[in-house]
Protein backbone atom coordinates (compact mmCIF):
# COMPACT_ATOMS: atom_id res chain seq x y z
CA MET A 1 -0.14 0.06 0.01
CA ALA A 2 1.36 3.43 -1.02
CA VAL A 3 1.93 5.91 1.81
CA VAL A 4 0.69 9.34 0.95
CA ILE A 5 2.16 12.21 2.83
CA VAL A 6 -0.13 15.22 3.34
CA LEU A 7 1.85 18.52 3.76
CA MET A 8 0.11 20.83 6.04
CA GLU A 9 1.02 24.60 6.82
CA THR A 10 4.20 24.43 8.82
CA SER A 11 4.90 26.63 12.01
CA PRO A 12 8.65 26.46 12.70
CA VAL A 13 10.11 26.25 16.24
CA ILE A 14 11.52 29.73 16.90
CA HIS A 15 14.91 29.70 18.75
CA GLU A 16 15.58 33.12 20.28
CA TRP A 17 18.92 34.98 19.80
CA PHE A 18 20.96 35.83 22.58
CA TYR A 19 19.97 39.41 22.40
CA PRO A 20 16.32 40.65 22.51
CA GLN A 21 16.78 42.34 19.27
CA GLY A 22 17.41 39.10 17.52
CA PRO A 23 17.73 37.98 14.82
CA ASP A 24 15.75 34.63 15.70
CA THR A 25 16.45 31.19 14.24
CA TYR A 26 13.59 29.25 12.52
CA GLU A 27 13.56 25.44 12.74
CA TYR A 28 11.05 23.68 10.26
CA LEU A 29 10.38 20.06 11.11
CA LEU A 30 10.30 17.54 8.22
CA PRO A 31 8.37 17.27 6.27
CA ILE A 32 7.71 20.93 5.39
CA GLY A 33 4.52 22.20 3.93
CA SER A 34 5.31 25.88 3.75
CA PHE A 35 8.01 28.44 5.03
CA TYR A 36 7.71 31.85 6.56
CA ALA A 37 8.30 34.95 4.35
CA ASP A 38 11.16 34.15 1.79
CA HIS A 39 12.78 31.49 3.80
CA SER A 40 12.32 29.05 1.07
CA LYS A 41 14.51 31.26 -1.25
CA LEU A 42 17.37 30.79 1.05
CA LEU A 43 17.56 27.03 0.59
CA PRO A 44 20.21 25.54 -1.79
CA LYS A 45 19.12 22.87 -4.14
CA TRP A 46 20.74 20.32 -1.90
CA THR A 47 18.87 21.27 1.17
CA GLN A 48 15.59 21.68 -0.85
CA GLY A 49 15.57 18.09 -1.78
CA PHE A 50 14.89 17.14 1.93
CA ALA A 51 12.30 19.70 2.44
CA THR A 52 9.30 17.48 1.52
CA LEU A 53 10.36 14.29 2.93
CA THR A 54 9.75 12.61 6.34
CA PRO A 55 12.89 11.78 8.28
CA ALA A 56 12.31 8.13 7.44
CA GLN A 57 12.24 9.00 3.71
CA SER A 58 15.23 11.12 3.86
CA LYS A 59 17.51 8.40 5.37
CA PRO A 60 18.44 6.88 2.03
CA ARG A 61 18.98 10.18 0.40
CA PHE A 62 21.22 11.26 3.23
CA ALA A 63 23.06 7.95 3.31
CA GLU A 64 23.73 8.07 -0.46
CA TYR A 65 25.21 11.56 -0.10
CA MET A 66 27.37 10.52 2.92
CA ALA A 67 28.60 7.56 0.96
CA SER A 68 30.14 10.18 -1.58
CA VAL A 69 32.18 11.59 1.17
CA THR A 70 34.96 9.15 1.10
CA LEU A 71 38.26 10.63 2.21
CA PRO A 72 39.58 8.43 5.01
CA GLU A 73 41.41 11.42 6.79
CA ILE A 74 38.04 12.82 7.95
CA SER A 75 36.27 9.55 8.77
CA THR A 76 36.54 10.45 12.50
CA PHE A 77 34.10 13.15 11.85
CA THR A 78 32.10 11.48 8.95
CA ASN A 79 31.45 8.25 11.01
CA VAL A 80 29.51 10.28 13.56
CA VAL A 81 27.54 12.13 10.86
CA LYS A 82 26.52 8.95 9.50
CA THR A 83 24.83 7.85 12.68
CA LEU A 84 22.40 10.87 12.31
CA THR A 85 18.98 11.26 10.52
CA PRO A 86 17.61 14.54 8.85
CA PHE A 87 15.13 15.87 11.19
CA SER A 88 14.48 19.70 10.31
CA ILE A 89 15.74 22.62 8.36
CA VAL A 90 17.12 25.68 9.92
CA VAL A 91 17.03 29.28 8.77
CA HIS A 92 19.04 31.89 10.40
CA LYS A 93 19.57 35.36 8.55
CA THR A 94 20.54 34.49 5.08
CA ASP A 95 21.88 30.91 5.82
CA SER A 96 20.20 27.50 6.05
CA TRP A 97 21.13 24.15 7.16
CA LEU A 98 19.91 20.43 7.32
CA LEU A 99 19.54 19.58 10.86
CA CYS A 100 20.26 15.99 11.50
CA LYS A 101 19.79 14.19 15.00
CA ARG A 102 20.04 10.81 16.54
CA GLU A 103 16.57 9.20 16.27
CA ASP A 104 16.35 8.49 19.94
CA GLN A 105 16.46 12.42 20.22
CA PHE A 106 13.56 13.17 17.95
CA ASP A 107 11.34 13.94 20.93
CA LYS A 108 13.85 16.23 22.42
CA PRO A 109 14.62 19.85 21.75
CA SER A 110 17.49 20.55 19.16
CA VAL A 111 20.48 21.30 21.09
CA HIS A 112 24.22 20.99 21.32
CA GLY A 113 25.01 17.30 21.94
CA ASN A 114 22.11 15.70 20.05
CA MET A 115 22.21 17.19 16.60
CA LEU A 116 24.58 18.73 13.80
CA GLN A 117 23.32 21.54 11.38
CA LEU A 118 24.94 20.71 7.98
CA PRO A 119 25.19 23.07 5.10
CA ALA A 120 24.94 22.26 1.34
CA PRO A 121 28.32 21.20 0.08
CA TYR A 122 30.32 24.01 -1.50
CA LYS A 123 31.28 24.13 -5.14
CA ASN A 124 33.91 25.91 -7.04
CA VAL A 125 35.60 27.36 -4.04
CA GLU A 126 38.30 29.91 -4.69
CA TRP A 127 40.89 29.02 -2.05
CA PRO A 128 43.47 31.65 -1.04
CA GLN A 129 47.08 31.01 -2.12
CA PHE A 130 47.84 30.10 1.39
CA PHE A 131 46.12 26.70 0.76
CA ASP A 132 47.84 26.01 -2.60
CA SER A 133 50.14 23.10 -1.11
CA ASP A 134 48.81 19.55 -1.27
CA GLN A 135 49.22 19.18 2.39
CA PHE A 136 46.05 21.27 2.86
CA ASN A 137 43.87 18.92 0.57
CA PRO A 138 42.29 16.91 3.56
CA LEU A 139 41.21 20.37 5.22
CA LYS A 140 39.82 21.80 1.93
CA HIS A 141 38.09 18.45 1.36
CA PHE A 142 36.60 18.61 4.93
CA LEU A 143 35.45 22.16 4.59
CA LYS A 144 33.94 21.72 1.02
CA TYR A 145 31.43 19.26 2.74
CA PHE A 146 31.25 20.51 6.24
CA GLY A 147 32.35 24.17 6.20
CA ASN A 148 29.92 26.32 7.96
CA THR A 149 28.50 23.21 10.04
CA ARG A 150 26.94 24.36 13.41
CA ILE A 151 26.90 22.40 16.65
CA ASP A 152 24.45 24.56 18.58
CA MET A 153 21.27 26.40 18.44
CA PRO A 154 21.05 29.45 17.44
CA PRO A 155 23.95 28.55 14.97
CA THR A 156 26.81 30.01 16.35
CA CYS A 157 30.12 27.72 16.95
CA GLY A 158 31.25 25.45 14.51
CA THR A 159 33.43 25.23 11.27
CA ARG A 160 34.33 28.43 9.22
CA SER A 161 32.85 28.78 5.74
CA PRO A 162 35.45 27.85 2.95
CA ILE A 163 34.02 31.01 1.04
CA GLU A 164 34.96 33.33 3.84
CA MET A 165 38.38 32.82 4.53
CA GLN A 166 40.50 35.52 5.77
CA PRO A 167 43.95 35.51 7.64
CA VAL A 168 44.28 36.88 11.02
CA PHE A 169 46.99 39.23 12.20
CA GLU A 170 48.15 40.60 15.41
CA ASP A 171 45.97 43.49 16.44
CA VAL A 172 47.45 45.40 19.28
CA GLU A 173 44.43 47.89 19.23
CA SER A 174 41.52 45.58 20.06
CA PHE A 175 40.87 42.56 21.99
CA ALA A 176 40.69 40.60 18.73
CA TRP A 177 43.71 38.39 17.86
CA LYS A 178 45.94 39.76 20.47
CA ASN A 179 49.20 38.05 21.35
CA ILE A 180 48.98 35.49 18.53
CA GLN A 181 52.82 35.80 17.98
CA SER A 182 54.12 33.04 15.44
CA TRP A 183 50.67 32.48 14.30
CA ASP A 184 50.34 35.88 12.55
CA GLY A 185 48.95 35.40 9.24
CA SER A 186 47.21 31.99 9.99
CA TYR A 187 43.58 31.05 9.10
CA PRO A 188 40.64 30.56 11.39
CA VAL A 189 38.77 27.38 10.65
CA TYR A 190 36.72 26.55 13.66
CA ASN A 191 34.86 28.67 16.29
CA VAL A 192 34.72 27.02 19.64
CA GLY A 193 31.67 27.61 21.71
CA ASN A 194 33.51 29.38 24.47
CA GLY A 195 34.92 32.09 22.21
CA ASP A 196 38.17 30.55 21.38
CA VAL A 197 39.18 30.08 17.73
CA VAL A 198 41.16 27.02 16.03
CA LEU A 199 43.80 28.23 13.65
CA VAL A 200 45.83 26.53 10.97
CA ASP A 201 49.41 27.88 9.90
CA SER A 202 51.48 27.52 6.85
CA ASN A 203 53.10 24.29 7.92
CA PHE A 204 49.52 22.68 8.28
CA GLU A 205 49.73 22.64 12.18
CA PHE A 206 46.59 23.62 14.18
CA GLY A 207 46.27 25.73 17.35
CA VAL A 208 43.61 27.00 19.43
CA TRP A 209 43.57 30.90 20.12
CA CYS A 210 42.46 31.16 23.70
CA HIS A 211 40.87 34.54 24.41
CA GLU A 212 41.66 34.32 28.13
CA LEU A 213 45.51 34.18 27.14
CA CYS A 214 45.68 37.48 25.47
CA ARG A 215 48.12 38.81 28.04
CA ASP A 216 50.06 35.62 28.68
CA ALA A 217 53.66 35.96 27.98
CA ASN A 218 53.88 32.59 26.24
CA GLY A 219 51.22 33.70 23.73
CA ALA A 220 47.60 33.11 23.41
CA VAL A 221 47.74 30.13 20.99
CA GLN A 222 47.98 26.71 22.40
CA LYS A 223 49.31 24.06 19.92
CA LEU A 224 46.67 21.49 18.88
CA GLY A 225 48.77 19.41 16.42
CA SER A 226 48.10 17.62 13.19
CA PHE A 227 44.99 17.42 11.11
CA GLN A 228 44.01 14.28 12.70
CA GLN A 229 44.06 15.78 16.12
CA PHE A 230 41.89 18.62 14.64
CA MET A 231 39.53 16.12 13.49
CA GLU A 232 39.34 14.61 16.89
CA PHE A 233 38.86 17.96 18.49
CA VAL A 234 35.93 18.93 16.04
CA THR A 235 34.26 15.56 16.68
CA ASN A 236 34.52 15.80 20.28
CA GLU A 237 33.24 19.34 20.14
CA THR A 238 29.99 18.05 18.59
CA GLY A 239 29.06 16.23 21.88
CA LEU A 240 27.85 13.19 19.71
CA ALA A 241 31.08 10.98 19.82
CA ARG A 242 30.55 7.98 21.93
């Protein structure tokens, strides 16, 4: 017997921003009948492909997509993503994500530790010359699929978007990027929930700029290590690794 899904008017879950003036975040549970205002126009084709599907119907589509992400160097992270199921679509400002959760959390609010917000994969990224060396290929591959991934609601901390890559330089006039020392000219790749930022340098080494160490004589950047250690760090940050 065929199953018919009737799409009704959809009222999103509204997640308030930290500040009273907003902007708020809108979470539309799958399947989606309609969007507020012009939210549907913010969805890339990849994300739109899930909009009218139930979570159960979306699983094969999502599994096929994840099967195409094959680079072994990022499997620490992708193995966790593969345990999730599409649940909703999130819209914040002009960005949108496919929110995926563990199925045993479907009856719980979408919060850090039970979900990830995944963007559509990026195409034709024009990387800065800094990333020309082959050693950066695993990071570029990771950010192509998982750049701008968010781990909390509203969407704040998470990976940086590959189309917004800008280097950081010592800024003695303000709080930002103070005391980065030898990490001058490195690139931010991950925003930590506590305000710290993961950087990558020209040697493909990773470090964490700690805002609380801006006046420390040893510098504000603590060495994280290799790309594999970065993958482990990012995976642990999701709260989903177990």
